[in-house]
Amino acid sequence: MKLVRFGRAGREKPGLVDAAGKIRDISEHVPDIAGSSLSAKSLAKLKRLKPEKLPLVGGRPRFGACVGDVGNFIAVGLNFADHAAETGAPIPKEPILFNKAPSCVVGPNDDVMLPKDSVKTDWEVELAIVIGESASYVPEKEAMDVIAGFCICNDVSERAYQMEGTGQWMKGKGCPTFGPLGPWLVTTDEVRDVQKLGMWLEVNGRRMQTGSTATMIFGVKFLVHYISTFMKLEPGDVITTGTPPGVGLGKKPPVFLKPGDIMRLGIEGLGEQKQLVVPWSAE
């Protein structure tokens, strides 16, 4: 299934995408695509629904983030061998983890707002894992059992905040609008091989990133296993798994986002995002 959240920001309703690409309202069956609605039991009930009998959503509604009420928003740094190479960093011996603020989550096509006085805001197309079951110490071979599905994340990053001064990654990763998720959550049964998905990102029509989840250093199953040894994962937690080469920081000379830029990005089978970059606003 492809599950979506549609409507005005803060008032999204749950839906699914039918075989014709139309949105069907499932709010009579689940309150949201969040929390316990992401469990295997809940997803199995939704899968039994007949899409043609569900209310059709007209027009072109806004997509919200494909998962609501995100709890932990965990990110993995330098997890693509070719991206590590472009930064000159050594291959990590174990996953590098940091947090993105849940308050940075926005819809896949919402504006991305530059932080006040930002001059080094960057892009990163990433595969995100959405957790569906509470999980601690998950064996790697059982990791897929606790995953509800996958989606696209643009891990927007302010490099000065991330790398200069005290150099704490979380400072450059959790600014408002720095976590577009979606357009939809694709359940695990629809992803044939999560470690063989093409990825791309463009800025103003120019291809910046081209890659594949095949070059991930630590795969999806291992990441869930590894992270669950340090914390309890809960339904609705998101793990964004790293980016392929082509980030602005790695260009020679570096290239960063400015107001008016348009980012388009996609992952094979998971859809596309499009964001307009706007200046900082207090509103």
C-alpha atoms as a PDB file:
ATOM      1  CA  MET A   1       0.000   0.000   0.000  1.00  0.00           C
ATOM      2  CA  LYS A   2       0.884   3.626  -0.460  1.00  0.00           C
ATOM      3  CA  LEU A   3      -0.418   5.572   2.516  1.00  0.00           C
ATOM      4  CA  VAL A   4      -0.723   9.358   2.570  1.00  0.00           C
ATOM      5  CA  ARG A   5      -1.765  12.203   4.815  1.00  0.00           C
ATOM      6  CA  PHE A   6      -3.555  14.990   2.959  1.00  0.00           C
ATOM      7  CA  GLY A   7      -5.083  18.362   3.726  1.00  0.00           C
ATOM      8  CA  ARG A   8      -4.154  21.577   5.490  1.00  0.00           C
ATOM      9  CA  ALA A   9      -1.090  21.612   7.719  1.00  0.00           C
ATOM     10  CA  GLY A  10      -2.021  20.392  11.173  1.00  0.00           C
ATOM     11  CA  ARG A  11      -5.362  19.033   9.974  1.00  0.00           C
ATOM     12  CA  GLU A  12      -4.271  16.213   7.688  1.00  0.00           C
ATOM     13  CA  LYS A  13      -6.480  13.193   7.066  1.00  0.00           C
ATOM     14  CA  PRO A  14      -5.291   9.653   6.327  1.00  0.00           C
ATOM     15  CA  GLY A  15      -5.601   8.192   2.865  1.00  0.00           C
ATOM     16  CA  LEU A  16      -4.287   5.582   0.503  1.00  0.00           C
ATOM     17  CA  VAL A  17      -3.329   5.750  -3.151  1.00  0.00           C
ATOM     18  CA  ASP A  18      -5.308   3.373  -5.355  1.00  0.00           C
ATOM     19  CA  ALA A  19      -4.095   1.541  -8.456  1.00  0.00           C
ATOM     20  CA  ALA A  20      -5.062   4.518 -10.635  1.00  0.00           C
ATOM     21  CA  GLY A  21      -3.053   6.939  -8.526  1.00  0.00           C
ATOM     22  CA  LYS A  22      -6.161   8.479  -6.918  1.00  0.00           C
ATOM     23  CA  ILE A  23      -6.333   9.303  -3.213  1.00  0.00           C
ATOM     24  CA  ARG A  24      -8.952   7.466  -1.163  1.00  0.00           C
ATOM     25  CA  ASP A  25     -10.043   8.727   2.254  1.00  0.00           C
ATOM     26  CA  ILE A  26      -9.563   6.116   5.006  1.00  0.00           C
ATOM     27  CA  SER A  27     -10.381   8.339   7.983  1.00  0.00           C
ATOM     28  CA  GLU A  28     -13.339   6.108   8.880  1.00  0.00           C
ATOM     29  CA  HIS A  29     -10.916   3.242   9.402  1.00  0.00           C
ATOM     30  CA  VAL A  30      -7.899   4.869  11.108  1.00  0.00           C
ATOM     31  CA  PRO A  31      -7.554   8.245  12.848  1.00  0.00           C
ATOM     32  CA  ASP A  32      -4.165   8.982  11.272  1.00  0.00           C
ATOM     33  CA  ILE A  33      -1.115   7.382   9.681  1.00  0.00           C
ATOM     34  CA  ALA A  34       0.639   7.444  13.017  1.00  0.00           C
ATOM     35  CA  GLY A  35       1.278   5.461  16.195  1.00  0.00           C
ATOM     36  CA  SER A  36      -0.675   2.230  16.535  1.00  0.00           C
ATOM     37  CA  SER A  37      -2.137   2.648  13.033  1.00  0.00           C
ATOM     38  CA  LEU A  38       1.310   1.650  11.758  1.00  0.00           C
ATOM     39  CA  SER A  39       1.294  -1.764  13.457  1.00  0.00           C
ATOM     40  CA  ALA A  40       1.303  -4.923  11.370  1.00  0.00           C
ATOM     41  CA  LYS A  41      -2.201  -5.726  12.634  1.00  0.00           C
ATOM     42  CA  SER A  42      -3.560  -2.323  11.617  1.00  0.00           C
ATOM     43  CA  LEU A  43      -1.839  -2.374   8.223  1.00  0.00           C
ATOM     44  CA  ALA A  44      -3.266  -5.840   7.538  1.00  0.00           C
ATOM     45  CA  LYS A  45      -6.789  -4.486   8.146  1.00  0.00           C
ATOM     46  CA  LEU A  46      -6.177  -1.577   5.787  1.00  0.00           C
ATOM     47  CA  LYS A  47      -4.856  -3.918   3.127  1.00  0.00           C
ATOM     48  CA  ARG A  48      -8.158  -5.795   3.177  1.00  0.00           C
ATOM     49  CA  LEU A  49     -10.101  -2.652   2.268  1.00  0.00           C
ATOM     50  CA  LYS A  50     -11.465  -2.369  -1.265  1.00  0.00           C
ATOM     51  CA  PRO A  51     -10.126   0.976  -2.550  1.00  0.00           C
ATOM     52  CA  GLU A  52     -12.926   1.408  -5.072  1.00  0.00           C
ATOM     53  CA  LYS A  53     -15.440   1.507  -2.222  1.00  0.00           C
ATOM     54  CA  LEU A  54     -13.581   4.200  -0.276  1.00  0.00           C
ATOM     55  CA  PRO A  55     -14.414   7.919  -0.678  1.00  0.00           C
ATOM     56  CA  LEU A  56     -12.503   9.503  -3.537  1.00  0.00           C
ATOM     57  CA  VAL A  57     -10.587  12.668  -2.682  1.00  0.00           C
ATOM     58  CA  GLY A  58     -11.138  15.309  -5.334  1.00  0.00           C
ATOM     59  CA  GLY A  59      -8.841  18.034  -6.579  1.00  0.00           C
ATOM     60  CA  ARG A  60      -5.154  18.235  -5.790  1.00  0.00           C
ATOM     61  CA  PRO A  61      -4.900  18.388  -1.998  1.00  0.00           C
ATOM     62  CA  ARG A  62      -1.691  19.202  -0.186  1.00  0.00           C
ATOM     63  CA  PHE A  63       0.316  16.198   0.994  1.00  0.00           C
ATOM     64  CA  GLY A  64       1.379  16.338   4.609  1.00  0.00           C
ATOM     65  CA  ALA A  65       4.288  14.331   5.957  1.00  0.00           C
ATOM     66  CA  CYS A  66       3.373  10.693   5.315  1.00  0.00           C
ATOM     67  CA  VAL A  67       3.673   9.828   9.014  1.00  0.00           C
ATOM     68  CA  GLY A  68       2.143  11.896  11.787  1.00  0.00           C
ATOM     69  CA  ASP A  69       3.265  12.553  15.343  1.00  0.00           C
ATOM     70  CA  VAL A  70       6.863  11.522  14.696  1.00  0.00           C
ATOM     71  CA  GLY A  71       8.535  10.658  17.992  1.00  0.00           C
ATOM     72  CA  ASN A  72      12.205   9.904  17.528  1.00  0.00           C
ATOM     73  CA  PHE A  73      13.692  11.234  14.281  1.00  0.00           C
ATOM     74  CA  ILE A  74      17.034   9.459  14.024  1.00  0.00           C
ATOM     75  CA  ALA A  75      19.571  10.030  11.272  1.00  0.00           C
ATOM     76  CA  VAL A  76      22.624   8.125  10.080  1.00  0.00           C
ATOM     77  CA  GLY A  77      25.670  10.052   8.901  1.00  0.00           C
ATOM     78  CA  LEU A  78      28.200   9.087   6.212  1.00  0.00           C
ATOM     79  CA  ASN A  79      26.353   5.853   5.443  1.00  0.00           C
ATOM     80  CA  PHE A  80      27.072   5.743   1.702  1.00  0.00           C
ATOM     81  CA  ALA A  81      30.562   4.700   0.664  1.00  0.00           C
ATOM     82  CA  ASP A  82      30.596   7.066  -2.331  1.00  0.00           C
ATOM     83  CA  HIS A  83      29.362  10.000  -0.223  1.00  0.00           C
ATOM     84  CA  ALA A  84      32.014   9.354   2.441  1.00  0.00           C
ATOM     85  CA  ALA A  85      34.596   9.387  -0.353  1.00  0.00           C
ATOM     86  CA  GLU A  86      33.445  12.776  -1.679  1.00  0.00           C
ATOM     87  CA  THR A  87      33.766  14.308   1.786  1.00  0.00           C
ATOM     88  CA  GLY A  88      37.194  12.768   2.354  1.00  0.00           C
ATOM     89  CA  ALA A  89      35.935  11.002   5.481  1.00  0.00           C
ATOM     90  CA  PRO A  90      37.009   7.449   6.373  1.00  0.00           C
ATOM     91  CA  ILE A  91      34.441   4.657   6.122  1.00  0.00           C
ATOM     92  CA  PRO A  92      32.737   4.465   9.542  1.00  0.00           C
ATOM     93  CA  LYS A  93      33.345   1.261  11.491  1.00  0.00           C
ATOM     94  CA  GLU A  94      29.859   1.505  12.971  1.00  0.00           C
ATOM     95  CA  PRO A  95      26.861   3.744  12.227  1.00  0.00           C
ATOM     96  CA  ILE A  96      27.185   7.449  13.047  1.00  0.00           C
ATOM     97  CA  LEU A  97      23.924   8.489  14.714  1.00  0.00           C
ATOM     98  CA  PHE A  98      22.395  11.876  15.437  1.00  0.00           C
ATOM     99  CA  ASN A  99      18.933  13.339  15.936  1.00  0.00           C
ATOM    100  CA  LYS A 100      16.781  15.557  13.788  1.00  0.00           C
ATOM    101  CA  ALA A 101      14.131  17.501  15.677  1.00  0.00           C
ATOM    102  CA  PRO A 102      10.606  16.120  15.133  1.00  0.00           C
ATOM    103  CA  SER A 103       9.503  19.765  14.828  1.00  0.00           C
ATOM    104  CA  CYS A 104      11.394  19.978  11.516  1.00  0.00           C
ATOM    105  CA  VAL A 105       9.008  17.527   9.819  1.00  0.00           C
ATOM    106  CA  VAL A 106       6.950  18.989   6.956  1.00  0.00           C
ATOM    107  CA  GLY A 107       5.139  17.764   3.881  1.00  0.00           C
ATOM    108  CA  PRO A 108       7.037  16.585   0.798  1.00  0.00           C
ATOM    109  CA  ASN A 109       6.158  19.638  -1.269  1.00  0.00           C
ATOM    110  CA  ASP A 110       6.100  22.287   1.456  1.00  0.00           C
ATOM    111  CA  ASP A 111       8.530  25.208   1.300  1.00  0.00           C
ATOM    112  CA  VAL A 112      11.971  24.756   2.843  1.00  0.00           C
ATOM    113  CA  MET A 113      12.849  27.837   4.882  1.00  0.00           C
ATOM    114  CA  LEU A 114      16.446  28.946   5.264  1.00  0.00           C
ATOM    115  CA  PRO A 115      17.436  29.631   8.875  1.00  0.00           C
ATOM    116  CA  LYS A 116      18.066  33.243   9.824  1.00  0.00           C
ATOM    117  CA  ASP A 117      21.462  34.367   8.427  1.00  0.00           C
ATOM    118  CA  SER A 118      22.073  30.920   6.867  1.00  0.00           C
ATOM    119  CA  VAL A 119      24.618  30.787   4.065  1.00  0.00           C
ATOM    120  CA  LYS A 120      25.410  27.051   3.888  1.00  0.00           C
ATOM    121  CA  THR A 121      22.120  25.175   3.663  1.00  0.00           C
ATOM    122  CA  ASP A 122      22.445  21.905   1.733  1.00  0.00           C
ATOM    123  CA  TRP A 123      20.310  19.070   0.353  1.00  0.00           C
ATOM    124  CA  GLU A 124      20.387  15.294   0.934  1.00  0.00           C
ATOM    125  CA  VAL A 125      18.019  12.771  -0.664  1.00  0.00           C
ATOM    126  CA  GLU A 126      17.589   9.852   1.728  1.00  0.00           C
ATOM    127  CA  LEU A 127      15.636   6.655   2.265  1.00  0.00           C
ATOM    128  CA  ALA A 128      13.679   6.794   5.524  1.00  0.00           C
ATOM    129  CA  ILE A 129      12.485   3.846   7.589  1.00  0.00           C
ATOM    130  CA  VAL A 130       9.181   4.203   9.457  1.00  0.00           C
ATOM    131  CA  ILE A 131       8.843   1.983  12.527  1.00  0.00           C
ATOM    132  CA  GLY A 132       5.566   0.146  13.093  1.00  0.00           C
ATOM    133  CA  GLU A 133       6.130  -1.834  16.296  1.00  0.00           C
ATOM    134  CA  SER A 134       7.760  -1.170  19.655  1.00  0.00           C
ATOM    135  CA  ALA A 135      11.191  -2.739  19.511  1.00  0.00           C
ATOM    136  CA  SER A 136      14.307  -3.251  21.624  1.00  0.00           C
ATOM    137  CA  TYR A 137      17.295  -5.469  20.843  1.00  0.00           C
ATOM    138  CA  VAL A 138      15.828  -6.557  17.508  1.00  0.00           C
ATOM    139  CA  PRO A 139      17.811  -9.364  15.843  1.00  0.00           C
ATOM    140  CA  GLU A 140      18.916  -8.295  12.376  1.00  0.00           C
ATOM    141  CA  LYS A 141      17.004 -11.171  10.756  1.00  0.00           C
ATOM    142  CA  GLU A 142      13.767  -9.922  12.397  1.00  0.00           C
ATOM    143  CA  ALA A 143      14.223  -6.230  11.661  1.00  0.00           C
ATOM    144  CA  MET A 144      11.728  -6.094   8.794  1.00  0.00           C
ATOM    145  CA  ASP A 145       9.008  -7.315  11.171  1.00  0.00           C
ATOM    146  CA  VAL A 146       9.087  -4.008  13.080  1.00  0.00           C
ATOM    147  CA  ILE A 147       9.151  -1.755   9.998  1.00  0.00           C
ATOM    148  CA  ALA A 148       5.855  -0.317   8.723  1.00  0.00           C
ATOM    149  CA  GLY A 149       7.328   0.972   5.481  1.00  0.00           C
ATOM    150  CA  PHE A 150       9.639   3.373   3.709  1.00  0.00           C
ATOM    151  CA  CYS A 151       9.508   6.924   2.388  1.00  0.00           C
ATOM    152  CA  ILE A 152      11.686   9.719   1.028  1.00  0.00           C
ATOM    153  CA  CYS A 153      13.366  12.187   3.361  1.00  0.00           C
ATOM    154  CA  ASN A 154      15.186  15.344   2.310  1.00  0.00           C
ATOM    155  CA  ASP A 155      17.709  15.643   5.133  1.00  0.00           C
ATOM    156  CA  VAL A 156      18.160  19.400   4.711  1.00  0.00           C
ATOM    157  CA  SER A 157      21.325  20.537   6.519  1.00  0.00           C
ATOM    158  CA  GLU A 158      22.859  23.848   7.519  1.00  0.00           C
ATOM    159  CA  ARG A 159      26.570  23.044   7.221  1.00  0.00           C
ATOM    160  CA  ALA A 160      27.891  26.000   9.229  1.00  0.00           C
ATOM    161  CA  TYR A 161      25.696  25.007  12.165  1.00  0.00           C
ATOM    162  CA  GLN A 162      26.667  21.367  11.694  1.00  0.00           C
ATOM    163  CA  MET A 163      30.427  21.651  11.252  1.00  0.00           C
ATOM    164  CA  GLU A 164      31.684  25.002  12.504  1.00  0.00           C
ATOM    165  CA  GLY A 165      32.030  26.223  16.073  1.00  0.00           C
ATOM    166  CA  THR A 166      31.334  23.259  18.346  1.00  0.00           C
ATOM    167  CA  GLY A 167      30.512  21.134  15.300  1.00  0.00           C
ATOM    168  CA  GLN A 168      27.394  19.372  16.598  1.00  0.00           C
ATOM    169  CA  TRP A 169      25.480  17.731  13.763  1.00  0.00           C
ATOM    170  CA  MET A 170      22.060  18.065  15.369  1.00  0.00           C
ATOM    171  CA  LYS A 171      22.340  21.875  15.297  1.00  0.00           C
ATOM    172  CA  GLY A 172      22.439  21.850  11.517  1.00  0.00           C
ATOM    173  CA  LYS A 173      19.809  19.178  10.961  1.00  0.00           C
ATOM    174  CA  GLY A 174      16.734  20.137  12.973  1.00  0.00           C
ATOM    175  CA  CYS A 175      15.845  23.662  11.854  1.00  0.00           C
ATOM    176  CA  PRO A 176      12.175  24.273  10.941  1.00  0.00           C
ATOM    177  CA  THR A 177      11.197  22.636   7.598  1.00  0.00           C
ATOM    178  CA  PHE A 178      14.440  20.587   7.446  1.00  0.00           C
ATOM    179  CA  GLY A 179      12.614  17.237   7.372  1.00  0.00           C
ATOM    180  CA  PRO A 180      10.259  16.807   4.384  1.00  0.00           C
ATOM    181  CA  LEU A 181       8.787  13.262   4.461  1.00  0.00           C
ATOM    182  CA  GLY A 182       6.743  11.573   1.739  1.00  0.00           C
ATOM    183  CA  PRO A 183       4.842  11.887  -0.542  1.00  0.00           C
ATOM    184  CA  TRP A 184       3.630   8.542   0.711  1.00  0.00           C
ATOM    185  CA  LEU A 185       4.577   5.728   3.039  1.00  0.00           C
ATOM    186  CA  VAL A 186       5.135   2.558   1.014  1.00  0.00           C
ATOM    187  CA  THR A 187       4.577  -0.603   3.043  1.00  0.00           C
ATOM    188  CA  THR A 188       7.348  -3.181   3.080  1.00  0.00           C
ATOM    189  CA  ASP A 189       5.456  -5.709   0.947  1.00  0.00           C
ATOM    190  CA  GLU A 190       5.588  -3.317  -2.021  1.00  0.00           C
ATOM    191  CA  VAL A 191       9.357  -2.796  -1.916  1.00  0.00           C
ATOM    192  CA  ARG A 192      11.012  -5.717  -3.674  1.00  0.00           C
ATOM    193  CA  ASP A 193      14.591  -5.004  -2.555  1.00  0.00           C
ATOM    194  CA  VAL A 194      15.146  -1.970  -0.362  1.00  0.00           C
ATOM    195  CA  GLN A 195      18.914  -2.252  -0.938  1.00  0.00           C
ATOM    196  CA  LYS A 196      18.610  -1.742  -4.699  1.00  0.00           C
ATOM    197  CA  LEU A 197      16.668   1.512  -5.079  1.00  0.00           C
ATOM    198  CA  GLY A 198      17.804   4.315  -7.378  1.00  0.00           C
ATOM    199  CA  MET A 199      17.979   7.816  -5.834  1.00  0.00           C
ATOM    200  CA  TRP A 200      18.290  11.301  -7.346  1.00  0.00           C
ATOM    201  CA  LEU A 201      18.032  14.997  -6.556  1.00  0.00           C
ATOM    202  CA  GLU A 202      17.954  18.125  -8.745  1.00  0.00           C
ATOM    203  CA  VAL A 203      18.302  21.815  -7.921  1.00  0.00           C
ATOM    204  CA  ASN A 204      16.766  24.190 -10.483  1.00  0.00           C
ATOM    205  CA  GLY A 205      16.632  21.335 -12.998  1.00  0.00           C
ATOM    206  CA  ARG A 206      20.324  20.455 -12.638  1.00  0.00           C
ATOM    207  CA  ARG A 207      21.064  16.942 -11.481  1.00  0.00           C
ATOM    208  CA  MET A 208      23.065  17.048  -8.269  1.00  0.00           C
ATOM    209  CA  GLN A 209      22.716  13.568  -6.794  1.00  0.00           C
ATOM    210  CA  THR A 210      22.493  10.208  -8.514  1.00  0.00           C
ATOM    211  CA  GLY A 211      22.926   7.105  -6.425  1.00  0.00           C
ATOM    212  CA  SER A 212      21.503   3.873  -5.094  1.00  0.00           C
ATOM    213  CA  THR A 213      20.772   2.299  -1.733  1.00  0.00           C
ATOM    214  CA  ALA A 214      23.114  -0.450  -2.948  1.00  0.00           C
ATOM    215  CA  THR A 215      26.086   1.663  -1.783  1.00  0.00           C
ATOM    216  CA  MET A 216      24.857   1.963   1.802  1.00  0.00           C
ATOM    217  CA  ILE A 217      27.587   0.910   4.223  1.00  0.00           C
ATOM    218  CA  PHE A 218      25.083  -0.298   6.821  1.00  0.00           C
ATOM    219  CA  GLY A 219      21.840  -1.678   5.412  1.00  0.00           C
ATOM    220  CA  VAL A 220      18.287  -1.197   6.614  1.00  0.00           C
ATOM    221  CA  LYS A 221      18.086  -4.378   8.677  1.00  0.00           C
ATOM    222  CA  PHE A 222      21.375  -3.767  10.439  1.00  0.00           C
ATOM    223  CA  LEU A 223      20.471  -0.157  11.241  1.00  0.00           C
ATOM    224  CA  VAL A 224      17.214  -1.148  12.944  1.00  0.00           C
ATOM    225  CA  HIS A 225      19.028  -3.880  14.863  1.00  0.00           C
ATOM    226  CA  TYR A 226      21.874  -1.558  15.860  1.00  0.00           C
ATOM    227  CA  ILE A 227      19.754   1.429  16.896  1.00  0.00           C
ATOM    228  CA  SER A 228      17.361  -0.764  18.893  1.00  0.00           C
ATOM    229  CA  THR A 229      20.255  -1.818  21.140  1.00  0.00           C
ATOM    230  CA  PHE A 230      20.645   1.766  22.365  1.00  0.00           C
ATOM    231  CA  MET A 231      17.022   2.895  22.586  1.00  0.00           C
ATOM    232  CA  LYS A 232      13.489   1.585  22.416  1.00  0.00           C
ATOM    233  CA  LEU A 233      11.972   2.221  19.011  1.00  0.00           C
ATOM    234  CA  GLU A 234       8.282   3.117  18.943  1.00  0.00           C
ATOM    235  CA  PRO A 235       5.623   3.175  16.206  1.00  0.00           C
ATOM    236  CA  GLY A 236       5.999   6.354  14.191  1.00  0.00           C
ATOM    237  CA  ASP A 237       9.724   6.732  14.816  1.00  0.00           C
ATOM    238  CA  VAL A 238      11.654   7.621  11.669  1.00  0.00           C
ATOM    239  CA  ILE A 239      15.196   6.574  10.781  1.00  0.00           C
ATOM    240  CA  THR A 240      16.696   8.398   7.804  1.00  0.00           C
ATOM    241  CA  THR A 241      19.563   6.344   6.470  1.00  0.00           C
ATOM    242  CA  GLY A 242      22.126   8.576   4.741  1.00  0.00           C
ATOM    243  CA  THR A 243      22.688  10.132   1.340  1.00  0.00           C
ATOM    244  CA  PRO A 244      24.573   9.299  -1.870  1.00  0.00           C
ATOM    245  CA  PRO A 245      27.203  11.653  -3.336  1.00  0.00           C
ATOM    246  CA  GLY A 246      26.411  15.029  -4.858  1.00  0.00           C
ATOM    247  CA  VAL A 247      25.655  17.219  -1.863  1.00  0.00           C
ATOM    248  CA  GLY A 248      26.437  20.917  -2.161  1.00  0.00           C
ATOM    249  CA  LEU A 249      29.235  20.694   0.382  1.00  0.00           C
ATOM    250  CA  GLY A 250      31.064  18.222  -1.842  1.00  0.00           C
ATOM    251  CA  LYS A 251      31.013  20.421  -4.971  1.00  0.00           C
ATOM    252  CA  LYS A 252      34.171  22.233  -6.039  1.00  0.00           C
ATOM    253  CA  PRO A 253      33.559  24.983  -5.143  1.00  0.00           C
ATOM    254  CA  PRO A 254      30.739  24.211  -2.684  1.00  0.00           C
ATOM    255  CA  VAL A 255      27.210  25.180  -3.743  1.00  0.00           C
ATOM    256  CA  PHE A 256      24.485  26.001  -1.242  1.00  0.00           C
ATOM    257  CA  LEU A 257      20.778  26.804  -1.402  1.00  0.00           C
ATOM    258  CA  LYS A 258      19.396  30.308  -1.801  1.00  0.00           C
ATOM    259  CA  PRO A 259      15.866  31.756  -1.842  1.00  0.00           C
ATOM    260  CA  GLY A 260      14.028  30.875  -5.039  1.00  0.00           C
ATOM    261  CA  ASP A 261      15.835  27.591  -5.626  1.00  0.00           C
ATOM    262  CA  ILE A 262      13.669  24.557  -6.376  1.00  0.00           C
ATOM    263  CA  MET A 263      14.642  21.061  -5.236  1.00  0.00           C
ATOM    264  CA  ARG A 264      13.194  17.936  -6.855  1.00  0.00           C
ATOM    265  CA  LEU A 265      14.111  14.511  -5.540  1.00  0.00           C
ATOM    266  CA  GLY A 266      12.973  10.946  -5.759  1.00  0.00           C
ATOM    267  CA  ILE A 267      13.627   7.328  -4.905  1.00  0.00           C
ATOM    268  CA  GLU A 268      12.639   4.412  -7.106  1.00  0.00           C
ATOM    269  CA  GLY A 269       9.170   3.186  -6.139  1.00  0.00           C
ATOM    270  CA  LEU A 270       8.725   5.785  -3.393  1.00  0.00           C
ATOM    271  CA  GLY A 271       7.626   8.814  -5.423  1.00  0.00           C
ATOM    272  CA  GLU A 272       9.004  12.337  -5.696  1.00  0.00           C
ATOM    273  CA  GLN A 273       9.242  15.540  -3.666  1.00  0.00           C
ATOM    274  CA  LYS A 274       9.473  19.168  -4.787  1.00  0.00           C
ATOM    275  CA  GLN A 275      10.342  22.104  -2.534  1.00  0.00           C
ATOM    276  CA  LEU A 276      10.738  25.843  -3.033  1.00  0.00           C
ATOM    277  CA  VAL A 277      13.484  27.414  -0.917  1.00  0.00           C
ATOM    278  CA  VAL A 278      12.291  30.536   0.868  1.00  0.00           C
ATOM    279  CA  PRO A 279      14.017  33.048   3.175  1.00  0.00           C
ATOM    280  CA  TRP A 280      13.686  32.916   6.930  1.00  0.00           C
ATOM    281  CA  SER A 281      10.441  34.257   8.326  1.00  0.00           C
ATOM    282  CA  ALA A 282       9.320  34.708  11.915  1.00  0.00           C
ATOM    283  CA  GLU A 283       5.809  33.591  11.012  1.00  0.00           C
END
